[in-house]
């Protein structure tokens, strides 16, 4: 492993990645965790991840409560267990 790759790996272990565009896998985790969620509609625009005993996701989202036209930003945090269990919401913060 090169020094640059090794340094990058050391920074990422236990730390959060910068926010980035969602991959198809990121979108799948988000959709699965919010399946059946009612009330506010969250649309993810970016995600940051943290590898622990599973994966923590922080989704930066636009949020709205139809039929109102009010839109705000929120962070939806989701945990994906290491054992392949169903991802679930750990918190939602309005920003």
C-alpha atoms as a PDB file:
ATOM      1  CA  UNK A   1       0.000   0.000   0.000  1.00  0.00           C
ATOM      2  CA  UNK A   2       1.356   3.423  -0.902  1.00  0.00           C
ATOM      3  CA  UNK A   3       1.945   6.058   1.783  1.00  0.00           C
ATOM      4  CA  UNK A   4      -0.882   8.172   0.379  1.00  0.00           C
ATOM      5  CA  UNK A   5      -3.363   5.276   0.403  1.00  0.00           C
ATOM      6  CA  UNK A   6      -2.229   4.274   3.898  1.00  0.00           C
ATOM      7  CA  UNK A   7      -2.636   7.833   5.190  1.00  0.00           C
ATOM      8  CA  UNK A   8      -6.099   8.075   3.630  1.00  0.00           C
ATOM      9  CA  UNK A   9      -7.112   4.762   5.222  1.00  0.00           C
ATOM     10  CA  UNK A  10      -5.917   5.923   8.644  1.00  0.00           C
ATOM     11  CA  UNK A  11      -7.943   9.147   8.345  1.00  0.00           C
ATOM     12  CA  UNK A  12     -11.113   7.294   7.338  1.00  0.00           C
ATOM     13  CA  UNK A  13     -11.064   4.557   9.983  1.00  0.00           C
ATOM     14  CA  UNK A  14     -13.613   5.722  12.529  1.00  0.00           C
ATOM     15  CA  UNK A  15     -13.833   9.174  10.908  1.00  0.00           C
ATOM     16  CA  UNK A  16     -16.474  10.618   8.637  1.00  0.00           C
ATOM     17  CA  UNK A  17     -15.919  10.927   4.906  1.00  0.00           C
ATOM     18  CA  UNK A  18     -16.596  14.318   3.318  1.00  0.00           C
ATOM     19  CA  UNK A  19     -20.136  14.746   1.960  1.00  0.00           C
ATOM     20  CA  UNK A  20     -20.419  13.401  -1.585  1.00  0.00           C
ATOM     21  CA  UNK A  21     -23.044  12.441  -4.164  1.00  0.00           C
ATOM     22  CA  UNK A  22     -25.039   9.301  -3.410  1.00  0.00           C
ATOM     23  CA  UNK A  23     -24.054   6.001  -4.968  1.00  0.00           C
ATOM     24  CA  UNK A  24     -26.808   3.509  -5.872  1.00  0.00           C
ATOM     25  CA  UNK A  25     -25.933   1.608  -2.636  1.00  0.00           C
ATOM     26  CA  UNK A  26     -26.251   4.797  -0.538  1.00  0.00           C
ATOM     27  CA  UNK A  27     -29.696   5.458  -2.070  1.00  0.00           C
ATOM     28  CA  UNK A  28     -30.757   1.845  -1.414  1.00  0.00           C
ATOM     29  CA  UNK A  29     -29.832   2.142   2.298  1.00  0.00           C
ATOM     30  CA  UNK A  30     -31.738   5.442   2.569  1.00  0.00           C
ATOM     31  CA  UNK A  31     -34.846   4.063   0.859  1.00  0.00           C
ATOM     32  CA  UNK A  32     -34.845   0.905   2.983  1.00  0.00           C
ATOM     33  CA  UNK A  33     -34.487   2.815   6.275  1.00  0.00           C
ATOM     34  CA  UNK A  34     -37.288   5.258   5.391  1.00  0.00           C
ATOM     35  CA  UNK A  35     -39.678   2.644   4.000  1.00  0.00           C
ATOM     36  CA  UNK A  36     -43.059   3.287   5.614  1.00  0.00           C
ATOM     37  CA  UNK A  37     -41.957   6.639   7.094  1.00  0.00           C
ATOM     38  CA  UNK A  38     -44.880   9.076   6.920  1.00  0.00           C
ATOM     39  CA  UNK A  39     -45.289  12.804   7.410  1.00  0.00           C
ATOM     40  CA  UNK A  40     -42.192  14.634   6.217  1.00  0.00           C
ATOM     41  CA  UNK A  41     -40.737  13.821   2.798  1.00  0.00           C
ATOM     42  CA  UNK A  42     -36.930  13.660   2.800  1.00  0.00           C
ATOM     43  CA  UNK A  43     -34.960  13.813  -0.453  1.00  0.00           C
ATOM     44  CA  UNK A  44     -31.244  13.048  -0.020  1.00  0.00           C
ATOM     45  CA  UNK A  45     -28.786  15.263  -1.886  1.00  0.00           C
ATOM     46  CA  UNK A  46     -25.447  14.184  -0.361  1.00  0.00           C
ATOM     47  CA  UNK A  47     -24.090  11.627   2.096  1.00  0.00           C
ATOM     48  CA  UNK A  48     -21.148  11.168   4.468  1.00  0.00           C
ATOM     49  CA  UNK A  49     -20.257   7.773   5.936  1.00  0.00           C
ATOM     50  CA  UNK A  50     -18.417   6.413   8.953  1.00  0.00           C
ATOM     51  CA  UNK A  51     -17.319   2.791   9.275  1.00  0.00           C
ATOM     52  CA  UNK A  52     -17.728   1.415  12.805  1.00  0.00           C
ATOM     53  CA  UNK A  53     -19.326  -1.932  13.776  1.00  0.00           C
ATOM     54  CA  UNK A  54     -21.430  -1.364  10.673  1.00  0.00           C
ATOM     55  CA  UNK A  55     -21.819   1.886   8.765  1.00  0.00           C
ATOM     56  CA  UNK A  56     -23.215   5.212   9.919  1.00  0.00           C
ATOM     57  CA  UNK A  57     -24.705   7.406   7.206  1.00  0.00           C
ATOM     58  CA  UNK A  58     -25.416  11.146   7.383  1.00  0.00           C
ATOM     59  CA  UNK A  59     -27.712  12.154   4.566  1.00  0.00           C
ATOM     60  CA  UNK A  60     -28.052  15.876   3.813  1.00  0.00           C
ATOM     61  CA  UNK A  61     -31.640  16.218   2.624  1.00  0.00           C
ATOM     62  CA  UNK A  62     -34.238  18.679   1.491  1.00  0.00           C
ATOM     63  CA  UNK A  63     -37.381  18.165   3.539  1.00  0.00           C
ATOM     64  CA  UNK A  64     -41.000  19.128   3.027  1.00  0.00           C
ATOM     65  CA  UNK A  65     -44.384  18.317   4.446  1.00  0.00           C
ATOM     66  CA  UNK A  66     -46.875  18.083   1.596  1.00  0.00           C
ATOM     67  CA  UNK A  67     -49.155  19.784   0.726  1.00  0.00           C
ATOM     68  CA  UNK A  68     -47.325  22.779   2.253  1.00  0.00           C
ATOM     69  CA  UNK A  69     -44.792  24.567   0.071  1.00  0.00           C
ATOM     70  CA  UNK A  70     -42.341  25.026   2.962  1.00  0.00           C
ATOM     71  CA  UNK A  71     -38.954  23.389   2.327  1.00  0.00           C
ATOM     72  CA  UNK A  72     -36.021  23.109   4.736  1.00  0.00           C
ATOM     73  CA  UNK A  73     -32.757  21.216   5.075  1.00  0.00           C
ATOM     74  CA  UNK A  74     -32.227  18.292   7.409  1.00  0.00           C
ATOM     75  CA  UNK A  75     -29.658  15.659   8.301  1.00  0.00           C
ATOM     76  CA  UNK A  76     -31.034  12.114   8.448  1.00  0.00           C
ATOM     77  CA  UNK A  77     -28.690   9.730  10.271  1.00  0.00           C
ATOM     78  CA  UNK A  78     -29.003   6.022   9.532  1.00  0.00           C
ATOM     79  CA  UNK A  79     -27.129   2.983  10.858  1.00  0.00           C
ATOM     80  CA  UNK A  80     -26.528  -0.110   8.685  1.00  0.00           C
ATOM     81  CA  UNK A  81     -25.558  -3.081  10.920  1.00  0.00           C
ATOM     82  CA  UNK A  82     -22.467  -5.060   9.955  1.00  0.00           C
ATOM     83  CA  UNK A  83     -24.402  -8.350   9.907  1.00  0.00           C
ATOM     84  CA  UNK A  84     -26.534  -7.173   6.993  1.00  0.00           C
ATOM     85  CA  UNK A  85     -29.532  -6.335   9.178  1.00  0.00           C
ATOM     86  CA  UNK A  86     -32.078  -3.737   8.110  1.00  0.00           C
ATOM     87  CA  UNK A  87     -30.765  -0.148   8.230  1.00  0.00           C
ATOM     88  CA  UNK A  88     -32.636   2.151  10.582  1.00  0.00           C
ATOM     89  CA  UNK A  89     -32.931   5.869  11.388  1.00  0.00           C
ATOM     90  CA  UNK A  90     -30.949   6.944  14.450  1.00  0.00           C
ATOM     91  CA  UNK A  91     -31.774  10.670  14.325  1.00  0.00           C
ATOM     92  CA  UNK A  92     -33.128  13.509  12.210  1.00  0.00           C
ATOM     93  CA  UNK A  93     -31.910  17.084  12.677  1.00  0.00           C
ATOM     94  CA  UNK A  94     -33.359  20.166  11.058  1.00  0.00           C
ATOM     95  CA  UNK A  95     -30.566  22.515   9.898  1.00  0.00           C
END
